[in-house]
Amino acid sequence: MPKKQEAFTLLEFMLYAGIVAVLLFATTEVILSLLDGKAKIDAIQEINQNERLVMRMMSQAIRSANSVTTPAQGATSSILVLQTDSTTTSPTIFSVVDQTLQVKEGNAATTTLTSSGVRISSLEFRNLASTGTPANIRINLSVSSENPTNDSDYDASDSIEGAASVRRKL
C-alpha cells in the first residue's frame, strides 16, 4: 500500500505566512519605537550635560570674581561682566552669540562653552545684591536641542535656574 505524502495545503501556507507577517510587523514597530526613544534620551542627556557644565563654570567664575560690573545692583542683563584679580582674566564676559554661550577672559580669544548639539534659547543674569553687599547673581538659562531636520524625536528643551555670590568683599 503506497504511503500518503504529507504536504502543506495552500490554506495552511497562507495562514502561516500571515502569522509570520504580523509578527515581523510587530517586531519592526517595537524596534523603531525603541530607536525613537533612544534619540529623545540622547537629546535630553546632551542638554542636561551642557546645562550643568555652563552653570558650574558661571557659578565658579562669579564666586572667584572681585566684583560684578554688569548687571548693576537690582538690574537684569543678558551679559555678565566680572572683574578679577588677574589681568589675564579681567574682565570675564559671558554672553550668548548665535545661540551659543561664549566666554571671553581678558584679552584672550572668545571660547564657546556649549556643544554644537544644543542652542541657548535664553540667558538672563539678575543682580540681587543690595547696597554694600557682594554681588549675588541669579542665572536663568534655557537650552534646547539643535534639530536642523525638525524631527520631533530630537526635540528637547529645558530651563535651569541657579545663583552664585561673589565671595570677596567689595
N, C-alpha and C. Protein backbone atom coordinates (compact mmCIF):
# COMPACT_ATOMS: atom_id res chain seq x y z
N MET A 1 0.84 -1.16 0.00
CA MET A 1 0.00 0.00 0.00
C MET A 1 0.90 1.25 0.00
N PRO A 2 0.68 2.13 -0.95
CA PRO A 2 1.53 3.31 -1.04
C PRO A 2 1.28 4.27 0.11
N LYS A 3 2.38 4.92 0.56
CA LYS A 3 2.27 5.89 1.65
C LYS A 3 1.69 7.19 1.11
N LYS A 4 0.87 7.81 1.93
CA LYS A 4 0.28 9.09 1.57
C LYS A 4 1.31 10.18 1.85
N GLN A 5 1.57 11.07 0.86
CA GLN A 5 2.52 12.15 1.06
C GLN A 5 1.88 13.25 1.87
N GLU A 6 2.65 13.74 2.83
CA GLU A 6 2.15 14.84 3.64
C GLU A 6 2.76 16.13 3.13
N ALA A 7 1.93 17.15 2.96
CA ALA A 7 2.40 18.45 2.49
C ALA A 7 1.46 19.52 3.02
N PHE A 8 1.91 20.77 2.90
CA PHE A 8 1.07 21.89 3.32
C PHE A 8 0.04 22.15 2.25
N THR A 9 -1.14 22.44 2.69
CA THR A 9 -2.15 22.88 1.73
C THR A 9 -1.96 24.38 1.52
N LEU A 10 -2.53 24.89 0.48
CA LEU A 10 -2.43 26.32 0.19
C LEU A 10 -3.01 27.14 1.33
N LEU A 11 -4.08 26.69 1.91
CA LEU A 11 -4.70 27.40 3.01
C LEU A 11 -3.78 27.45 4.23
N GLU A 12 -3.14 26.33 4.56
CA GLU A 12 -2.20 26.31 5.68
C GLU A 12 -1.01 27.24 5.42
N PHE A 13 -0.50 27.20 4.19
CA PHE A 13 0.63 28.05 3.85
C PHE A 13 0.26 29.53 3.99
N MET A 14 -0.90 29.93 3.54
CA MET A 14 -1.33 31.33 3.65
C MET A 14 -1.53 31.73 5.11
N LEU A 15 -2.03 30.83 5.91
CA LEU A 15 -2.22 31.11 7.33
C LEU A 15 -0.87 31.32 8.02
N TYR A 16 0.10 30.45 7.77
CA TYR A 16 1.42 30.60 8.37
C TYR A 16 2.12 31.88 7.89
N ALA A 17 1.99 32.16 6.62
CA ALA A 17 2.61 33.37 6.06
C ALA A 17 1.98 34.61 6.71
N GLY A 18 0.69 34.61 6.92
CA GLY A 18 0.02 35.75 7.58
C GLY A 18 0.49 35.93 9.01
N ILE A 19 0.62 34.83 9.73
CA ILE A 19 1.09 34.91 11.13
C ILE A 19 2.51 35.46 11.17
N VAL A 20 3.40 34.98 10.30
CA VAL A 20 4.78 35.45 10.25
C VAL A 20 4.82 36.94 9.89
N ALA A 21 3.99 37.37 8.95
CA ALA A 21 3.97 38.78 8.54
C ALA A 21 3.54 39.67 9.70
N VAL A 22 2.53 39.26 10.45
CA VAL A 22 2.06 40.04 11.61
C VAL A 22 3.16 40.12 12.67
N LEU A 23 3.83 39.02 12.93
CA LEU A 23 4.91 39.01 13.92
C LEU A 23 6.09 39.90 13.48
N LEU A 24 6.46 39.85 12.21
CA LEU A 24 7.54 40.71 11.70
C LEU A 24 7.16 42.19 11.79
N PHE A 25 5.92 42.51 11.46
CA PHE A 25 5.46 43.89 11.53
C PHE A 25 5.50 44.39 12.98
N ALA A 26 5.01 43.60 13.90
CA ALA A 26 5.01 43.99 15.31
C ALA A 26 6.43 44.16 15.83
N THR A 27 7.32 43.25 15.47
CA THR A 27 8.72 43.34 15.91
C THR A 27 9.37 44.60 15.35
N THR A 28 9.13 44.90 14.09
CA THR A 28 9.68 46.10 13.46
C THR A 28 9.19 47.36 14.17
N GLU A 29 7.93 47.42 14.49
CA GLU A 29 7.37 48.58 15.18
C GLU A 29 7.99 48.76 16.56
N VAL A 30 8.21 47.69 17.26
CA VAL A 30 8.83 47.77 18.59
C VAL A 30 10.26 48.28 18.47
N ILE A 31 11.00 47.78 17.52
CA ILE A 31 12.40 48.20 17.33
C ILE A 31 12.45 49.68 16.95
N LEU A 32 11.59 50.12 16.02
CA LEU A 32 11.57 51.53 15.63
C LEU A 32 11.19 52.43 16.79
N SER A 33 10.27 51.98 17.61
CA SER A 33 9.86 52.75 18.78
C SER A 33 11.02 52.89 19.77
N LEU A 34 11.76 51.82 19.97
CA LEU A 34 12.92 51.87 20.86
C LEU A 34 14.00 52.82 20.33
N LEU A 35 14.23 52.81 19.03
CA LEU A 35 15.21 53.71 18.44
C LEU A 35 14.79 55.17 18.57
N ASP A 36 13.50 55.45 18.40
CA ASP A 36 12.99 56.82 18.58
C ASP A 36 13.18 57.27 20.03
N GLY A 37 12.92 56.39 20.96
CA GLY A 37 13.10 56.72 22.36
C GLY A 37 14.56 56.99 22.69
N LYS A 38 15.46 56.25 22.09
CA LYS A 38 16.89 56.46 22.32
C LYS A 38 17.31 57.82 21.78
N ALA A 39 16.79 58.23 20.64
CA ALA A 39 17.13 59.55 20.09
C ALA A 39 16.68 60.66 21.03
N LYS A 40 15.50 60.53 21.59
CA LYS A 40 14.98 61.54 22.52
C LYS A 40 15.83 61.57 23.78
N ILE A 41 16.19 60.42 24.30
CA ILE A 41 17.01 60.35 25.51
C ILE A 41 18.38 60.97 25.25
N ASP A 42 18.97 60.71 24.09
CA ASP A 42 20.27 61.29 23.76
C ASP A 42 20.19 62.81 23.71
N ALA A 43 19.11 63.36 23.13
CA ALA A 43 18.95 64.82 23.05
C ALA A 43 18.80 65.41 24.45
N ILE A 44 18.04 64.77 25.31
CA ILE A 44 17.84 65.26 26.68
C ILE A 44 19.15 65.20 27.46
N GLN A 45 19.91 64.11 27.30
CA GLN A 45 21.19 63.99 28.01
C GLN A 45 22.17 65.08 27.57
N GLU A 46 22.20 65.37 26.29
CA GLU A 46 23.11 66.42 25.80
C GLU A 46 22.74 67.77 26.40
N ILE A 47 21.45 68.06 26.46
CA ILE A 47 21.00 69.32 27.05
C ILE A 47 21.39 69.39 28.52
N ASN A 48 21.11 68.34 29.26
CA ASN A 48 21.42 68.32 30.70
C ASN A 48 22.92 68.46 30.97
N GLN A 49 23.74 67.80 30.19
CA GLN A 49 25.19 67.90 30.37
C GLN A 49 25.67 69.33 30.12
N ASN A 50 25.17 69.95 29.06
CA ASN A 50 25.56 71.33 28.75
C ASN A 50 25.08 72.28 29.83
N GLU A 51 23.86 72.10 30.30
CA GLU A 51 23.32 72.97 31.37
C GLU A 51 24.19 72.90 32.61
N ARG A 52 24.48 71.70 33.07
CA ARG A 52 25.27 71.54 34.28
C ARG A 52 26.67 72.12 34.13
N LEU A 53 27.28 71.88 32.98
CA LEU A 53 28.62 72.37 32.75
C LEU A 53 28.68 73.90 32.77
N VAL A 54 27.82 74.55 32.02
CA VAL A 54 27.89 76.01 31.94
C VAL A 54 27.44 76.66 33.25
N MET A 55 26.48 76.09 33.93
CA MET A 55 26.08 76.65 35.23
C MET A 55 27.23 76.54 36.23
N ARG A 56 27.93 75.42 36.22
CA ARG A 56 29.07 75.24 37.13
C ARG A 56 30.17 76.25 36.80
N MET A 57 30.44 76.43 35.52
CA MET A 57 31.51 77.36 35.11
C MET A 57 31.15 78.81 35.46
N MET A 58 29.90 79.20 35.21
CA MET A 58 29.49 80.57 35.52
C MET A 58 29.48 80.80 37.03
N SER A 59 28.96 79.85 37.79
CA SER A 59 28.92 79.98 39.25
C SER A 59 30.33 80.08 39.83
N GLN A 60 31.23 79.27 39.34
CA GLN A 60 32.61 79.30 39.82
C GLN A 60 33.27 80.64 39.48
N ALA A 61 33.03 81.15 38.29
CA ALA A 61 33.60 82.45 37.89
C ALA A 61 33.06 83.57 38.77
N ILE A 62 31.76 83.53 39.09
CA ILE A 62 31.16 84.56 39.94
C ILE A 62 31.78 84.50 41.34
N ARG A 63 31.89 83.30 41.89
CA ARG A 63 32.43 83.15 43.25
C ARG A 63 33.87 83.63 43.37
N SER A 64 34.64 83.45 42.31
CA SER A 64 36.05 83.84 42.40
C SER A 64 36.31 85.27 41.91
N ALA A 65 35.28 85.97 41.47
CA ALA A 65 35.45 87.35 40.98
C ALA A 65 35.58 88.33 42.14
N ASN A 66 36.17 89.49 41.84
CA ASN A 66 36.22 90.58 42.82
C ASN A 66 34.91 91.35 42.84
N SER A 67 34.33 91.55 41.66
CA SER A 67 33.09 92.31 41.57
C SER A 67 32.39 91.99 40.26
N VAL A 68 31.13 92.43 40.20
CA VAL A 68 30.31 92.27 39.00
C VAL A 68 30.04 93.66 38.44
N THR A 69 30.42 93.87 37.19
CA THR A 69 30.18 95.16 36.53
C THR A 69 28.79 95.20 35.90
N THR A 70 28.43 94.13 35.22
CA THR A 70 27.12 94.02 34.57
C THR A 70 26.55 92.67 34.93
N PRO A 71 25.33 92.61 35.41
CA PRO A 71 24.35 93.67 35.61
C PRO A 71 24.62 94.45 36.91
N ALA A 72 24.19 95.68 36.92
CA ALA A 72 24.31 96.51 38.11
C ALA A 72 23.34 96.00 39.18
N GLN A 73 23.51 96.48 40.41
CA GLN A 73 22.64 96.06 41.51
C GLN A 73 21.18 96.30 41.16
N GLY A 74 20.37 95.27 41.33
CA GLY A 74 18.94 95.35 41.06
C GLY A 74 18.57 95.27 39.60
N ALA A 75 19.55 95.16 38.70
CA ALA A 75 19.28 95.15 37.26
C ALA A 75 19.36 93.73 36.69
N THR A 76 18.86 93.60 35.47
CA THR A 76 18.88 92.35 34.73
C THR A 76 19.62 92.58 33.42
N SER A 77 20.36 91.56 32.98
CA SER A 77 21.11 91.68 31.73
C SER A 77 21.27 90.30 31.10
N SER A 78 21.50 90.30 29.79
CA SER A 78 21.78 89.05 29.09
C SER A 78 23.29 88.80 29.02
N ILE A 79 24.07 89.74 29.55
CA ILE A 79 25.53 89.65 29.57
C ILE A 79 26.00 89.75 31.02
N LEU A 80 27.00 88.97 31.36
CA LEU A 80 27.61 89.02 32.69
C LEU A 80 29.06 89.46 32.54
N VAL A 81 29.43 90.54 33.21
CA VAL A 81 30.80 91.04 33.17
C VAL A 81 31.36 91.01 34.59
N LEU A 82 32.46 90.27 34.77
CA LEU A 82 33.09 90.10 36.07
C LEU A 82 34.49 90.70 36.06
N GLN A 83 34.87 91.29 37.17
CA GLN A 83 36.23 91.81 37.35
C GLN A 83 36.97 90.86 38.28
N THR A 84 38.20 90.50 37.91
CA THR A 84 39.00 89.58 38.71
C THR A 84 40.34 90.22 39.06
N ASP A 85 41.12 89.52 39.90
CA ASP A 85 42.45 89.99 40.29
C ASP A 85 43.45 89.92 39.14
N SER A 86 43.31 88.94 38.30
CA SER A 86 44.28 88.66 37.26
C SER A 86 44.01 89.49 36.00
N THR A 87 45.07 90.06 35.44
CA THR A 87 44.90 90.82 34.19
C THR A 87 44.62 89.90 33.01
N THR A 88 44.95 88.63 33.14
CA THR A 88 44.68 87.69 32.04
C THR A 88 43.21 87.28 31.99
N THR A 89 42.47 87.41 33.08
CA THR A 89 41.07 87.01 33.09
C THR A 89 40.11 88.17 33.33
N SER A 90 40.63 89.36 33.50
CA SER A 90 39.74 90.50 33.79
C SER A 90 39.67 91.42 32.59
N PRO A 91 38.49 91.73 32.12
CA PRO A 91 37.19 91.25 32.60
C PRO A 91 36.85 89.88 32.01
N THR A 92 36.02 89.16 32.70
CA THR A 92 35.46 87.90 32.20
C THR A 92 34.03 88.21 31.77
N ILE A 93 33.72 87.91 30.50
CA ILE A 93 32.42 88.27 29.94
C ILE A 93 31.72 87.00 29.43
N PHE A 94 30.53 86.74 29.97
CA PHE A 94 29.69 85.64 29.49
C PHE A 94 28.58 86.25 28.65
N SER A 95 28.37 85.71 27.44
CA SER A 95 27.30 86.23 26.57
C SER A 95 26.85 85.14 25.61
N VAL A 96 25.68 85.35 25.03
CA VAL A 96 25.15 84.44 24.03
C VAL A 96 25.33 85.08 22.66
N VAL A 97 26.00 84.36 21.76
CA VAL A 97 26.21 84.81 20.40
C VAL A 97 25.78 83.67 19.47
N ASP A 98 24.86 83.95 18.56
CA ASP A 98 24.35 82.94 17.63
C ASP A 98 23.88 81.68 18.36
N GLN A 99 23.16 81.87 19.45
CA GLN A 99 22.57 80.80 20.25
C GLN A 99 23.59 79.86 20.88
N THR A 100 24.83 80.34 21.05
CA THR A 100 25.84 79.58 21.78
C THR A 100 26.35 80.44 22.92
N LEU A 101 26.66 79.82 24.04
CA LEU A 101 27.21 80.55 25.19
C LEU A 101 28.70 80.68 25.01
N GLN A 102 29.19 81.92 25.16
CA GLN A 102 30.61 82.18 24.97
C GLN A 102 31.15 82.92 26.18
N VAL A 103 32.45 82.74 26.42
CA VAL A 103 33.14 83.46 27.48
C VAL A 103 34.40 84.08 26.89
N LYS A 104 34.66 85.29 27.32
CA LYS A 104 35.88 85.99 26.92
C LYS A 104 36.56 86.43 28.21
N GLU A 105 37.80 85.99 28.39
CA GLU A 105 38.57 86.32 29.58
C GLU A 105 39.71 87.25 29.20
N GLY A 106 39.65 88.48 29.69
CA GLY A 106 40.71 89.46 29.41
C GLY A 106 40.87 89.68 27.91
N ASN A 107 42.11 89.62 27.44
CA ASN A 107 42.41 89.82 26.03
C ASN A 107 42.42 88.52 25.24
N ALA A 108 42.12 87.42 25.87
CA ALA A 108 42.14 86.12 25.19
C ALA A 108 40.98 86.03 24.19
N ALA A 109 41.09 85.07 23.31
CA ALA A 109 40.04 84.85 22.31
C ALA A 109 38.77 84.34 23.00
N THR A 110 37.66 84.58 22.35
CA THR A 110 36.37 84.10 22.86
C THR A 110 36.31 82.58 22.74
N THR A 111 35.78 81.94 23.78
CA THR A 111 35.65 80.49 23.81
C THR A 111 34.17 80.12 23.87
N THR A 112 33.76 79.17 23.04
CA THR A 112 32.38 78.67 23.08
C THR A 112 32.28 77.59 24.14
N LEU A 113 31.29 77.72 25.02
CA LEU A 113 31.14 76.78 26.14
C LEU A 113 30.13 75.66 25.85
N THR A 114 29.20 75.89 24.95
CA THR A 114 28.17 74.89 24.67
C THR A 114 28.55 74.07 23.44
N SER A 115 28.04 72.85 23.39
CA SER A 115 28.33 71.97 22.25
C SER A 115 27.47 72.35 21.06
N SER A 116 27.80 71.80 19.90
CA SER A 116 27.06 72.11 18.68
C SER A 116 25.69 71.44 18.68
N GLY A 117 25.43 70.52 19.59
CA GLY A 117 24.15 69.82 19.64
C GLY A 117 23.04 70.56 20.38
N VAL A 118 23.38 71.71 20.96
CA VAL A 118 22.38 72.48 21.70
C VAL A 118 22.45 73.95 21.31
N ARG A 119 21.37 74.65 21.61
CA ARG A 119 21.36 76.10 21.41
C ARG A 119 20.76 76.74 22.65
N ILE A 120 21.25 77.93 22.96
CA ILE A 120 20.76 78.67 24.11
C ILE A 120 19.52 79.44 23.67
N SER A 121 18.40 79.14 24.29
CA SER A 121 17.15 79.84 23.96
C SER A 121 17.08 81.18 24.66
N SER A 122 17.52 81.20 25.91
CA SER A 122 17.57 82.47 26.65
C SER A 122 18.55 82.35 27.81
N LEU A 123 19.15 83.49 28.15
CA LEU A 123 20.07 83.57 29.27
C LEU A 123 19.87 84.92 29.93
N GLU A 124 19.62 84.88 31.24
CA GLU A 124 19.36 86.13 31.96
C GLU A 124 20.12 86.11 33.28
N PHE A 125 20.80 87.22 33.55
CA PHE A 125 21.51 87.41 34.81
C PHE A 125 20.80 88.53 35.56
N ARG A 126 20.54 88.33 36.85
CA ARG A 126 19.94 89.38 37.68
C ARG A 126 20.78 89.54 38.93
N ASN A 127 21.18 90.77 39.19
CA ASN A 127 21.99 91.08 40.37
C ASN A 127 21.04 91.39 41.53
N LEU A 128 20.99 90.49 42.49
CA LEU A 128 20.06 90.60 43.61
C LEU A 128 20.67 91.30 44.83
N ALA A 129 21.91 91.76 44.72
CA ALA A 129 22.62 92.36 45.86
C ALA A 129 22.03 93.71 46.22
N SER A 130 22.09 94.00 47.49
CA SER A 130 21.70 95.34 47.95
C SER A 130 22.97 96.16 48.17
N THR A 131 22.82 97.45 48.37
CA THR A 131 23.96 98.35 48.52
C THR A 131 24.87 97.90 49.66
N GLY A 132 26.17 97.84 49.38
CA GLY A 132 27.15 97.50 50.40
C GLY A 132 27.36 96.02 50.60
N THR A 133 26.73 95.18 49.81
CA THR A 133 26.92 93.73 49.93
C THR A 133 27.52 93.20 48.64
N PRO A 134 28.22 92.08 48.71
CA PRO A 134 28.78 91.49 47.49
C PRO A 134 27.66 91.09 46.52
N ALA A 135 27.99 91.09 45.26
CA ALA A 135 27.00 90.75 44.23
C ALA A 135 26.48 89.34 44.43
N ASN A 136 25.19 89.18 44.22
CA ASN A 136 24.51 87.89 44.25
C ASN A 136 23.77 87.78 42.93
N ILE A 137 24.23 86.89 42.06
CA ILE A 137 23.70 86.81 40.71
C ILE A 137 22.79 85.59 40.56
N ARG A 138 21.56 85.85 40.13
CA ARG A 138 20.64 84.76 39.78
C ARG A 138 20.77 84.53 38.28
N ILE A 139 20.92 83.26 37.89
CA ILE A 139 21.11 82.89 36.49
C ILE A 139 19.91 82.07 36.04
N ASN A 140 19.25 82.51 34.97
CA ASN A 140 18.17 81.74 34.34
C ASN A 140 18.66 81.34 32.95
N LEU A 141 18.68 80.05 32.68
CA LEU A 141 19.21 79.53 31.43
C LEU A 141 18.20 78.58 30.81
N SER A 142 17.89 78.79 29.53
CA SER A 142 17.01 77.88 28.78
C SER A 142 17.80 77.33 27.60
N VAL A 143 17.80 76.01 27.48
CA VAL A 143 18.58 75.32 26.44
C VAL A 143 17.64 74.39 25.68
N SER A 144 17.85 74.31 24.36
CA SER A 144 17.08 73.36 23.55
C SER A 144 18.03 72.61 22.62
N SER A 145 17.56 71.49 22.12
CA SER A 145 18.42 70.68 21.25
C SER A 145 18.48 71.29 19.86
N GLU A 146 19.62 71.12 19.22
CA GLU A 146 19.79 71.55 17.84
C GLU A 146 19.11 70.50 16.98
N ASN A 147 18.15 70.91 16.18
CA ASN A 147 17.35 69.97 15.41
C ASN A 147 17.14 70.51 14.00
N PRO A 148 18.16 70.44 13.13
CA PRO A 148 18.04 71.03 11.80
C PRO A 148 17.01 70.32 10.91
N THR A 149 16.71 69.07 11.19
CA THR A 149 15.75 68.33 10.36
C THR A 149 14.32 68.47 10.86
N ASN A 150 14.12 69.16 11.98
CA ASN A 150 12.80 69.33 12.60
C ASN A 150 12.12 67.99 12.87
N ASP A 151 12.90 66.99 13.23
CA ASP A 151 12.38 65.68 13.59
C ASP A 151 11.98 65.73 15.06
N SER A 152 10.74 65.43 15.35
CA SER A 152 10.24 65.54 16.73
C SER A 152 10.97 64.61 17.69
N ASP A 153 11.61 63.57 17.17
CA ASP A 153 12.37 62.65 18.03
C ASP A 153 13.57 63.33 18.66
N TYR A 154 14.06 64.37 18.02
CA TYR A 154 15.25 65.06 18.52
C TYR A 154 14.91 66.37 19.22
N ASP A 155 13.65 66.67 19.39
CA ASP A 155 13.24 67.89 20.09
C ASP A 155 13.32 67.69 21.59
N ALA A 156 14.02 68.59 22.23
CA ALA A 156 14.08 68.57 23.69
C ALA A 156 14.50 69.96 24.14
N SER A 157 14.01 70.36 25.30
CA SER A 157 14.41 71.65 25.86
C SER A 157 14.27 71.59 27.38
N ASP A 158 14.99 72.49 28.03
CA ASP A 158 14.95 72.52 29.48
C ASP A 158 15.39 73.90 29.95
N SER A 159 14.97 74.26 31.13
CA SER A 159 15.39 75.51 31.76
C SER A 159 15.95 75.18 33.14
N ILE A 160 16.93 75.97 33.53
CA ILE A 160 17.56 75.77 34.82
C ILE A 160 17.81 77.13 35.45
N GLU A 161 17.73 77.17 36.75
CA GLU A 161 17.96 78.42 37.48
C GLU A 161 18.96 78.15 38.59
N GLY A 162 19.85 79.09 38.80
CA GLY A 162 20.83 78.96 39.86
C GLY A 162 21.25 80.33 40.34
N ALA A 163 22.06 80.36 41.37
CA ALA A 163 22.56 81.63 41.90
C ALA A 163 23.95 81.42 42.46
N ALA A 164 24.72 82.50 42.43
CA ALA A 164 26.07 82.48 42.99
C ALA A 164 26.39 83.86 43.49
N SER A 165 27.18 83.94 44.53
CA SER A 165 27.59 85.21 45.12
C SER A 165 29.08 85.39 45.03
N VAL A 166 29.49 86.63 44.86
CA VAL A 166 30.91 86.97 44.91
C VAL A 166 31.37 86.71 46.34
N ARG A 167 32.42 85.96 46.51
CA ARG A 167 32.89 85.62 47.85
C ARG A 167 33.80 86.68 48.44
N ARG A 168 34.37 87.50 47.61
CA ARG A 168 35.25 88.55 48.10
C ARG A 168 34.46 89.77 48.45
N LYS A 169 34.91 90.51 49.42
CA LYS A 169 34.20 91.73 49.83
C LYS A 169 34.48 92.86 48.86
N LEU A 170 33.53 93.75 48.77
CA LEU A 170 33.69 94.91 47.88
C LEU A 170 34.74 95.86 48.39
